Protein backbone atom coordinates (compact mmCIF):
# COMPACT_ATOMS: atom_id res chain seq x y z
CA UNK A 1 -14.62 -42.90 2.33
CA UNK A 2 -14.63 -44.34 5.84
CA UNK A 3 -13.79 -48.37 6.27
CA UNK A 4 -14.03 -49.77 9.89
CA UNK A 5 -12.42 -53.47 10.04
CA UNK A 6 -12.90 -55.62 12.97
CA UNK A 7 -11.31 -59.31 14.33
CA UNK A 8 -13.58 -61.65 13.77
CA UNK A 9 -13.98 -63.79 16.95
CA UNK A 10 -17.26 -66.19 17.20
CA UNK A 11 -20.55 -65.43 15.67
CA UNK A 12 -22.05 -62.84 17.88
CA UNK A 13 -18.95 -60.59 16.77
CA UNK A 14 -18.77 -61.66 13.43
CA UNK A 15 -22.36 -60.57 13.14
CA UNK A 16 -21.47 -57.00 14.81
CA UNK A 17 -19.07 -56.50 12.25
CA UNK A 18 -21.29 -57.37 9.67
CA UNK A 19 -23.69 -54.63 10.84
CA UNK A 20 -21.27 -51.87 11.14
CA UNK A 21 -19.82 -53.24 7.84
CA UNK A 22 -22.46 -52.69 5.83
CA UNK A 23 -23.64 -48.99 7.42
CA UNK A 24 -19.74 -47.86 6.13
CA UNK A 25 -20.84 -49.42 2.71
CA UNK A 26 -22.66 -45.97 2.00
CA UNK A 27 -20.61 -43.91 0.75
CA UNK A 28 -19.84 -40.60 1.98
CA UNK A 29 -20.78 -37.77 -1.11
CA UNK A 30 -17.40 -36.69 -2.28
CA UNK A 31 -17.13 -33.07 -2.55
CA UNK A 32 -15.49 -31.42 -5.56
CA UNK A 33 -13.29 -28.31 -4.93
CA UNK A 34 -15.09 -25.43 -5.95
CA UNK A 35 -14.25 -23.44 -9.18
CA UNK A 36 -15.53 -20.86 -8.51
CA UNK A 37 -16.94 -17.63 -5.79
CA UNK A 38 -20.16 -16.41 -4.80
CA UNK A 39 -19.85 -13.72 -2.63
CA UNK A 40 -23.20 -13.48 -0.47
CA UNK A 41 -23.41 -10.05 1.46
CA UNK A 42 -26.12 -8.94 4.56
CA UNK A 43 -25.57 -5.32 5.19
CA UNK A 44 -28.30 -4.22 7.88
CA UNK A 45 -29.22 0.08 7.52
CA UNK A 46 -28.46 0.91 4.06
CA UNK A 47 -31.16 1.84 1.45
CA UNK A 48 -32.07 -0.04 -1.41
CA UNK A 49 -30.43 0.88 -5.12
CA UNK A 50 -26.84 1.65 -2.76
CA UNK A 51 -24.14 0.70 -5.27
CA UNK A 52 -21.71 -1.42 -4.56
CA UNK A 53 -18.43 -2.15 -6.42
CA UNK A 54 -15.72 -5.13 -6.40
CA UNK A 55 -12.41 -3.36 -6.49
CA UNK A 56 -8.79 -5.29 -6.62
CA UNK A 57 -6.93 -4.45 -3.50
CA UNK A 58 -2.95 -4.67 -2.82
CA UNK A 59 -1.89 -3.87 -6.31
CA UNK A 60 -0.58 -0.38 -5.16
CA UNK A 61 -2.19 1.65 -8.27
CA UNK A 62 -5.53 3.28 -8.60
CA UNK A 63 -7.80 0.31 -9.27
CA UNK A 64 -11.23 0.28 -11.32
CA UNK A 65 -14.05 -2.32 -10.08
CA UNK A 66 -13.97 -5.41 -11.65
CA UNK A 67 -17.73 -5.59 -10.98
CA UNK A 68 -20.74 -3.86 -9.55
CA UNK A 69 -23.75 -4.30 -8.56
CA UNK A 70 -26.96 -2.33 -6.24
CA UNK A 71 -28.19 -3.72 -2.69
CA UNK A 72 -31.70 -4.76 -2.35
CA UNK A 73 -33.64 -5.96 1.29
CA UNK A 74 -30.25 -5.37 2.41
CA UNK A 75 -28.65 -8.16 0.32
CA UNK A 76 -26.24 -8.06 -3.01
CA UNK A 77 -24.44 -11.15 -4.98
CA UNK A 78 -20.79 -11.08 -6.65
CA UNK A 79 -19.82 -14.16 -8.20
CA UNK A 80 -16.89 -14.98 -10.00
CA UNK A 81 -13.80 -17.46 -10.55
CA UNK A 82 -9.89 -16.74 -9.50
CA UNK A 83 -7.29 -18.44 -9.76
CA UNK A 84 -5.40 -17.67 -6.68
CA UNK A 85 -7.18 -15.72 -3.86
CA UNK A 86 -7.33 -11.90 -4.20
CA UNK A 87 -7.91 -9.55 -2.04
CA UNK A 88 -11.07 -7.00 -2.68
CA UNK A 89 -12.64 -3.95 -1.42
CA UNK A 90 -16.52 -3.84 -1.30
CA UNK A 91 -17.16 -0.01 -1.82
CA UNK A 92 -20.23 1.35 -0.86
CA UNK A 93 -21.66 4.41 -2.42
CA UNK A 94 -19.34 6.38 -3.94
CA UNK A 95 -16.42 6.19 -2.11
CA UNK A 96 -18.57 6.44 1.19
CA UNK A 97 -17.15 3.19 2.79
CA UNK A 98 -15.11 0.00 2.38
CA UNK A 99 -15.03 -3.87 3.66
CA UNK A 100 -12.04 -5.56 2.42
CA UNK A 101 -11.98 -9.55 2.09
CA UNK A 102 -9.72 -11.93 0.69
CA UNK A 103 -11.67 -13.72 -1.82
CA UNK A 104 -10.94 -17.24 -3.20
CA UNK A 105 -13.37 -20.29 -4.99
CA UNK A 106 -15.42 -20.88 -2.38
CA UNK A 107 -19.23 -19.91 -0.83
CA UNK A 108 -18.62 -16.78 1.15
CA UNK A 109 -20.89 -14.91 3.23
CA UNK A 110 -20.66 -11.39 4.65
CA UNK A 111 -23.00 -9.79 7.40
CA UNK A 112 -22.61 -6.52 9.06
CA UNK A 113 -24.22 -3.90 10.54
CA UNK A 114 -24.24 -0.33 8.69
CA UNK A 115 -24.39 3.64 10.20
CA UNK A 116 -24.56 6.56 7.66
CA UNK A 117 -22.86 9.34 8.62
CA UNK A 118 -25.62 12.32 9.37
CA UNK A 119 -22.72 14.78 8.06
CA UNK A 120 -22.85 15.81 4.67
CA UNK A 121 -20.14 13.40 3.38
CA UNK A 122 -22.64 11.00 4.41
CA UNK A 123 -19.77 8.17 4.91
CA UNK A 124 -20.61 4.72 5.84
CA UNK A 125 -19.24 3.05 8.67
CA UNK A 126 -19.31 -1.19 9.56
CA UNK A 127 -19.86 -2.87 12.58
CA UNK A 128 -20.17 -6.11 13.43
CA UNK A 129 -18.65 -7.85 10.71
CA UNK A 130 -18.73 -11.39 10.17
CA UNK A 131 -17.04 -13.14 7.33
CA UNK A 132 -17.36 -16.60 6.58
CA UNK A 133 -16.38 -19.49 4.15
CA UNK A 134 -13.06 -18.31 3.11
CA UNK A 135 -10.24 -20.00 4.71
CA UNK A 136 -8.17 -17.27 2.91
CA UNK A 137 -9.34 -14.83 4.80
CA UNK A 138 -9.63 -16.50 8.12
CA UNK A 139 -5.43 -16.81 8.03
CA UNK A 140 -5.65 -13.30 6.60
CA UNK A 141 -6.95 -11.73 10.09
CA UNK A 142 -4.86 -14.19 12.09
CA UNK A 143 -1.75 -13.62 10.90
CA UNK A 144 -2.32 -9.41 10.75
CA UNK A 145 -3.72 -9.63 14.23
CA UNK A 146 -0.87 -7.89 15.64
CA UNK A 147 -1.66 -4.70 13.86
CA UNK A 148 -4.31 -4.33 16.79
CA UNK A 149 -1.13 -4.19 19.40
CA UNK A 150 0.48 -1.47 17.19
CA UNK A 151 -2.52 0.46 16.91
CA UNK A 152 -2.72 0.58 20.81
CA UNK A 153 0.85 1.45 20.61
CA UNK A 154 0.40 3.81 18.46
CA UNK A 155 -2.35 5.82 20.55
CA UNK A 156 -0.49 5.01 23.86
CA UNK A 157 2.95 6.91 22.86
CA UNK A 158 0.99 9.77 21.71
CA UNK A 159 -1.28 10.23 24.93
CA UNK A 160 -0.33 13.29 26.89
CA UNK A 161 1.16 15.21 23.90
CA UNK A 162 -1.42 16.25 22.14
CA UNK A 163 -1.05 19.63 23.02
CA UNK A 164 2.81 19.80 22.42
CA UNK A 165 2.32 18.53 19.19
CA UNK A 166 -0.33 20.74 18.17
CA UNK A 167 1.88 23.77 19.10
CA UNK A 168 5.12 22.21 17.28
CA UNK A 169 2.72 21.20 13.75
CA UNK A 170 1.45 25.08 14.24
CA UNK A 171 5.36 26.15 14.39
CA UNK A 172 6.34 24.25 11.21
CA UNK A 173 3.33 25.42 9.00
CA UNK A 174 4.30 28.73 9.77
CA UNK A 175 7.97 28.43 9.45
CA UNK A 176 8.74 29.26 13.24
CA UNK A 177 11.73 27.52 13.55
CA UNK A 178 12.56 29.36 17.09
CA UNK A 179 9.33 27.76 18.45
CA UNK A 180 10.37 24.57 16.79
CA UNK A 181 13.92 24.43 18.09
CA UNK A 182 12.09 25.60 21.74
CA UNK A 183 9.98 22.62 21.55
CA UNK A 184 12.36 20.22 20.02
CA UNK A 185 14.62 20.55 23.16
CA UNK A 186 11.95 19.67 25.90
CA UNK A 187 12.64 16.25 28.02
CA UNK A 188 8.81 15.65 27.28
CA UNK A 189 9.25 16.07 22.82
CA UNK A 190 12.48 13.94 23.21
CA UNK A 191 10.38 11.04 25.02
CA UNK A 192 8.16 11.54 22.60
CA UNK A 193 10.55 11.69 19.49
CA UNK A 194 11.93 8.37 20.93
CA UNK A 195 9.24 6.29 21.45
CA UNK A 196 8.35 7.33 18.47
CA UNK A 197 11.40 5.88 16.92
CA UNK A 198 10.72 2.39 18.84
CA UNK A 199 7.57 2.41 17.23
CA UNK A 200 8.54 2.58 13.49
CA UNK A 201 11.33 0.08 14.79
CA UNK A 202 8.39 -2.51 15.89
CA UNK A 203 6.22 -1.74 12.93
CA UNK A 204 9.03 -2.46 10.44
CA UNK A 205 10.40 -5.65 12.18
CA UNK A 206 6.62 -7.02 12.47
CA UNK A 207 6.62 -6.45 8.69
CA UNK A 208 9.70 -8.21 7.94
CA UNK A 209 8.56 -11.18 10.08
CA UNK A 210 5.04 -11.76 8.67
CA UNK A 211 7.14 -11.48 4.72
CA UNK A 212 9.73 -13.95 5.71
CA UNK A 213 7.92 -16.47 7.41
CA UNK A 214 5.62 -16.97 3.75
CA UNK A 215 8.59 -17.27 1.47
CA UNK A 216 7.37 -20.22 -0.44
CA UNK A 217 3.80 -19.25 -1.31
CA UNK A 218 1.91 -16.65 -2.68
CA UNK A 219 1.23 -15.08 1.05
CA UNK A 220 5.13 -13.58 0.86
CA UNK A 221 4.18 -11.16 -2.09
CA UNK A 222 0.90 -10.57 -1.51
CA UNK A 223 2.13 -9.68 2.13
CA UNK A 224 4.72 -7.34 0.80
CA UNK A 225 1.89 -5.48 -1.21
CA UNK A 226 -0.07 -4.98 1.76
CA UNK A 227 2.95 -4.32 4.62
CA UNK A 228 4.51 -1.75 2.17
CA UNK A 229 2.50 1.59 0.84
CA UNK A 230 5.92 1.77 -1.97
CA UNK A 231 8.83 -0.16 -2.93
CA UNK A 232 12.74 1.04 -2.12
CA UNK A 233 15.00 -0.73 -3.77
CA UNK A 234 16.01 -1.85 -0.53
CA UNK A 235 13.01 -4.42 -0.95
CA UNK A 236 14.61 -6.35 -4.01
CA UNK A 237 16.49 -8.57 -1.92
CA UNK A 238 13.13 -9.42 0.45
CA UNK A 239 11.39 -10.36 -2.92
CA UNK A 240 15.16 -12.52 -4.15
CA UNK A 241 14.30 -14.59 -1.16
CA UNK A 242 10.72 -15.71 -2.33
CA UNK A 243 10.32 -19.76 -3.83
CA UNK A 244 9.95 -19.64 -7.61
CA UNK A 245 6.11 -20.50 -7.13
CA UNK A 246 5.97 -17.05 -5.34
CA UNK A 247 7.68 -15.16 -7.69
CA UNK A 248 5.59 -16.81 -10.22
CA UNK A 249 1.69 -15.82 -8.37
CA UNK A 250 -0.52 -13.35 -9.19
CA UNK A 251 0.98 -10.99 -6.51
CA UNK A 252 4.86 -12.42 -6.98
CA UNK A 253 4.21 -11.30 -10.51
CA UNK A 254 2.89 -7.58 -9.11
CA UNK A 255 5.40 -7.22 -7.03
CA UNK A 256 8.47 -7.83 -9.32
CA UNK A 257 6.72 -5.75 -11.70
CA UNK A 258 6.74 -2.50 -9.04
CA UNK A 259 10.42 -3.68 -8.14
CA UNK A 260 11.12 -3.56 -11.87
CA UNK A 261 9.43 -0.72 -14.10
CA UNK A 262 9.61 -0.79 -17.18
CA UNK A 263 12.19 2.07 -18.61
CA UNK A 264 10.23 5.12 -19.89
CA UNK A 265 13.29 6.83 -21.68
CA UNK A 266 12.25 8.14 -25.15
CA UNK A 267 9.09 9.31 -24.04
CA UNK A 268 7.53 12.75 -23.77
CA UNK A 269 6.21 14.04 -20.06
CA UNK A 270 3.02 15.57 -20.33
CA UNK A 271 2.72 18.84 -19.04
CA UNK A 272 1.10 18.56 -15.35
CA UNK A 273 0.45 21.14 -12.29
CA UNK A 274 0.71 20.17 -8.69
CA UNK A 275 0.61 22.23 -5.34
CA UNK A 276 4.02 23.42 -3.63
CA UNK A 277 3.76 23.95 0.15
CA UNK A 278 1.81 26.97 0.05
CA UNK A 279 -1.15 25.35 -1.89
CA UNK A 280 0.44 27.45 -5.07
CA UNK A 281 -0.55 25.33 -8.56
CA UNK A 282 2.62 25.11 -10.30
CA UNK A 283 3.17 23.73 -13.95
CA UNK A 284 6.16 22.01 -14.94
CA UNK A 285 6.02 24.10 -18.02
CA UNK A 286 6.31 27.08 -15.53
CA UNK A 287 9.49 25.53 -13.75
CA UNK A 288 11.20 24.24 -16.80
CA UNK A 289 11.28 27.23 -18.51
CA UNK A 290 14.36 27.95 -20.24
CA UNK A 291 16.11 25.45 -18.42
CA UNK A 292 18.20 22.61 -20.50
CA UNK A 293 18.00 19.60 -18.23
CA UNK A 294 15.61 18.95 -15.31
CA UNK A 295 15.66 16.01 -12.67
CA UNK A 296 12.11 15.07 -11.92
CA UNK A 297 12.55 13.58 -8.36
CA UNK A 298 9.86 11.24 -6.71
CA UNK A 299 10.18 10.72 -3.04
CA UNK A 300 8.50 10.78 0.55
CA UNK A 301 9.67 11.84 3.94
CA UNK A 302 9.66 8.48 5.52
CA UNK A 303 11.70 6.66 2.01
CA UNK A 304 15.36 6.74 3.77
CA UNK A 305 16.96 6.15 0.79
CA UNK A 306 15.69 9.08 -0.56
CA UNK A 307 16.26 11.10 2.54
CA UNK A 308 19.96 9.77 2.01
CA UNK A 309 20.05 11.01 -1.69
CA UNK A 310 19.24 14.61 -1.26
CA UNK A 311 22.31 15.76 -0.25
CA UNK A 312 23.40 14.27 -3.47
CA UNK A 313 21.07 16.45 -5.22
CA UNK A 314 21.99 19.84 -3.50
CA UNK A 315 25.71 18.96 -4.83
CA UNK A 316 24.37 18.73 -8.41
CA UNK A 317 22.40 21.66 -8.01
CA UNK A 318 25.10 23.79 -6.97
CA UNK A 319 27.18 22.36 -9.79
CA UNK A 320 24.90 23.10 -12.49
CA UNK A 321 21.69 25.13 -11.67
CA UNK A 322 23.50 28.48 -13.64
CA UNK A 323 24.45 26.36 -16.62
CA UNK A 324 20.81 25.66 -17.12
CA UNK A 325 20.04 22.13 -14.32
CA UNK A 326 16.59 22.12 -12.67
CA UNK A 327 15.56 20.07 -9.99
CA UNK A 328 11.72 19.38 -9.24
CA UNK A 329 11.00 17.10 -5.93
CA UNK A 330 7.20 15.24 -6.04
CA UNK A 331 6.72 14.15 -2.48
CA UNK A 332 4.49 10.82 -2.87
CA UNK A 333 3.25 11.34 0.94
CA UNK A 334 0.01 10.95 2.14
CA UNK A 335 0.51 12.98 5.15
CA UNK A 336 1.10 16.66 4.35
CA UNK A 337 2.42 17.52 8.08
CA UNK A 338 5.09 14.65 7.34
CA UNK A 339 6.13 16.30 4.16
CA UNK A 340 6.01 20.08 5.28
CA UNK A 341 8.09 18.43 8.18
CA UNK A 342 11.05 17.24 5.66
CA UNK A 343 10.87 19.91 4.02
CA UNK A 344 11.90 22.44 7.11
CA UNK A 345 14.41 19.74 7.81
CA UNK A 346 15.75 19.32 4.42
CA UNK A 347 16.07 22.50 3.32
CA UNK A 348 16.01 21.91 -0.58
CA UNK A 349 16.84 25.32 -2.88
CA UNK A 350 14.30 24.20 -5.56
CA UNK A 351 10.86 23.38 -6.43
CA UNK A 352 9.12 21.00 -3.94
CA UNK A 353 5.69 20.00 -4.74
CA UNK A 354 2.92 17.25 -3.61
CA UNK A 355 1.96 14.31 -5.76
CA UNK A 356 -2.08 13.53 -6.19
CA UNK A 357 -1.14 10.26 -7.45
CA UNK A 358 -2.00 11.16 -11.36
CA UNK A 359 1.38 12.11 -11.73
CA UNK A 360 3.51 9.64 -10.05
CA UNK A 361 0.96 6.95 -12.10
CA UNK A 362 1.77 8.81 -15.42
CA UNK A 363 5.54 8.11 -14.56
CA UNK A 364 4.81 4.54 -13.39
CA UNK A 365 6.51 4.86 -10.06
CA UNK A 366 6.45 1.87 -8.24
CA UNK A 367 9.56 2.12 -6.25
CA UNK A 368 11.43 5.51 -4.59
CA UNK A 369 13.60 7.23 -4.78
CA UNK A 370 12.61 7.63 -8.67
CA UNK A 371 14.51 10.23 -11.06
CA UNK A 372 13.99 10.69 -14.65
CA UNK A 373 15.94 13.46 -16.21
CA UNK A 374 14.41 15.71 -18.67
CA UNK A 375 15.66 17.95 -21.68
CA UNK A 376 14.65 21.38 -22.90
CA UNK A 377 11.84 18.90 -25.28
CA UNK A 378 9.70 17.53 -22.49
CA UNK A 379 11.95 14.00 -23.56
CA UNK A 380 13.06 11.65 -20.57
CA UNK A 381 16.87 10.89 -21.58
CA UNK A 382 17.68 9.00 -18.27
CA UNK A 383 16.32 7.01 -15.61
CA UNK A 384 17.13 6.03 -11.82
CA UNK A 385 20.42 8.69 -11.64
CA UNK A 386 21.49 8.84 -8.37
CA UNK A 387 24.80 9.84 -6.76
CA UNK A 388 27.94 9.50 -8.56
CA UNK A 389 26.12 8.39 -11.99
CA UNK A 390 23.97 11.51 -11.65
CA UNK A 391 27.41 13.58 -11.72
CA UNK A 392 28.30 12.14 -14.23
CA UNK A 393 26.38 11.97 -16.36
CA UNK A 394 25.57 15.97 -16.25
CA UNK A 395 29.61 16.32 -16.39
CA UNK A 396 28.85 14.75 -19.63
CA UNK A 397 25.82 16.84 -20.85
CA UNK A 398 27.17 20.13 -19.91
CA UNK A 399 30.61 19.86 -21.14
CA UNK A 400 28.74 18.89 -24.52
């Protein structure tokens, strides 16, 4: 309520003050904080009946929709309650197109123009997106605006190297090391690699700065979930810097669960099948046949701790392979080319397969490197064994 005070000096001023104070007595209505959200969408260019799903985002897992509706006359609505703001993806059609939005308890409006591809996949793209009513979404967009600069940097350092990259990629795919070395030794390629390294250093510093500036609230762990596709043990100190409020938030609990997954020791593994570098499907049953112990190693080409652990795996493999020890490395890489490049560089003498998300989810892999030691019966008897710990465990097992 607004209150206007006047000094009373003379009758005229008294009358003026009285008049204004009378108006001030008309109280403005008190608006209570919203306890639920109402998301109204208006999308041009989509047919009536197009399905729209509300899918949780920033979770590092494949999530099921929490709500579903269909579009009519370009309009749709979602409503519900949240304890704190949450990121959701609006999925249009069956995996045809997406719009990300931070939803909070308020009245939110979304407008956009959709365009359906005439290709067989019928992908849906959007332009002229406008989201109003969510202060959290506004803040999210502002805090992550630096990504536009990073996207420009990425495009800039790739300009002029398209043909060279194509030739290198072809040589790597065919295993032509001579051509790879020839290209790799050119000044152009060395310049490209230097710019690439600088780019990823900038990406890392930008992400770390974003997270560290939000240590006191749920935004900190939320940005951890959005900036990292997977966690490694290196991120544990990042989580520890958060306030108790941040750690107890919805996203704080997700980060904690990902960084400190529940042990699977004592459980059995299911027989799964994945493709190797040549696209050949292999089952774990085939790989472990007649082996006494197998170390299942989840890793990725971009994971520095994973790459540092490979020499230790090579030592263990050399010492115990003839005694019945096997290693199975499963990459969670999304970029198959990056995976193939890493395989060529690391020269691992055991089976290497590419994850399909289902296998890593079955093992509840949240951080990498993640290792599981399995016996001949398919029972997990150890996890997160690396370096000296792995050597000690194998020495104990094969001694007995």
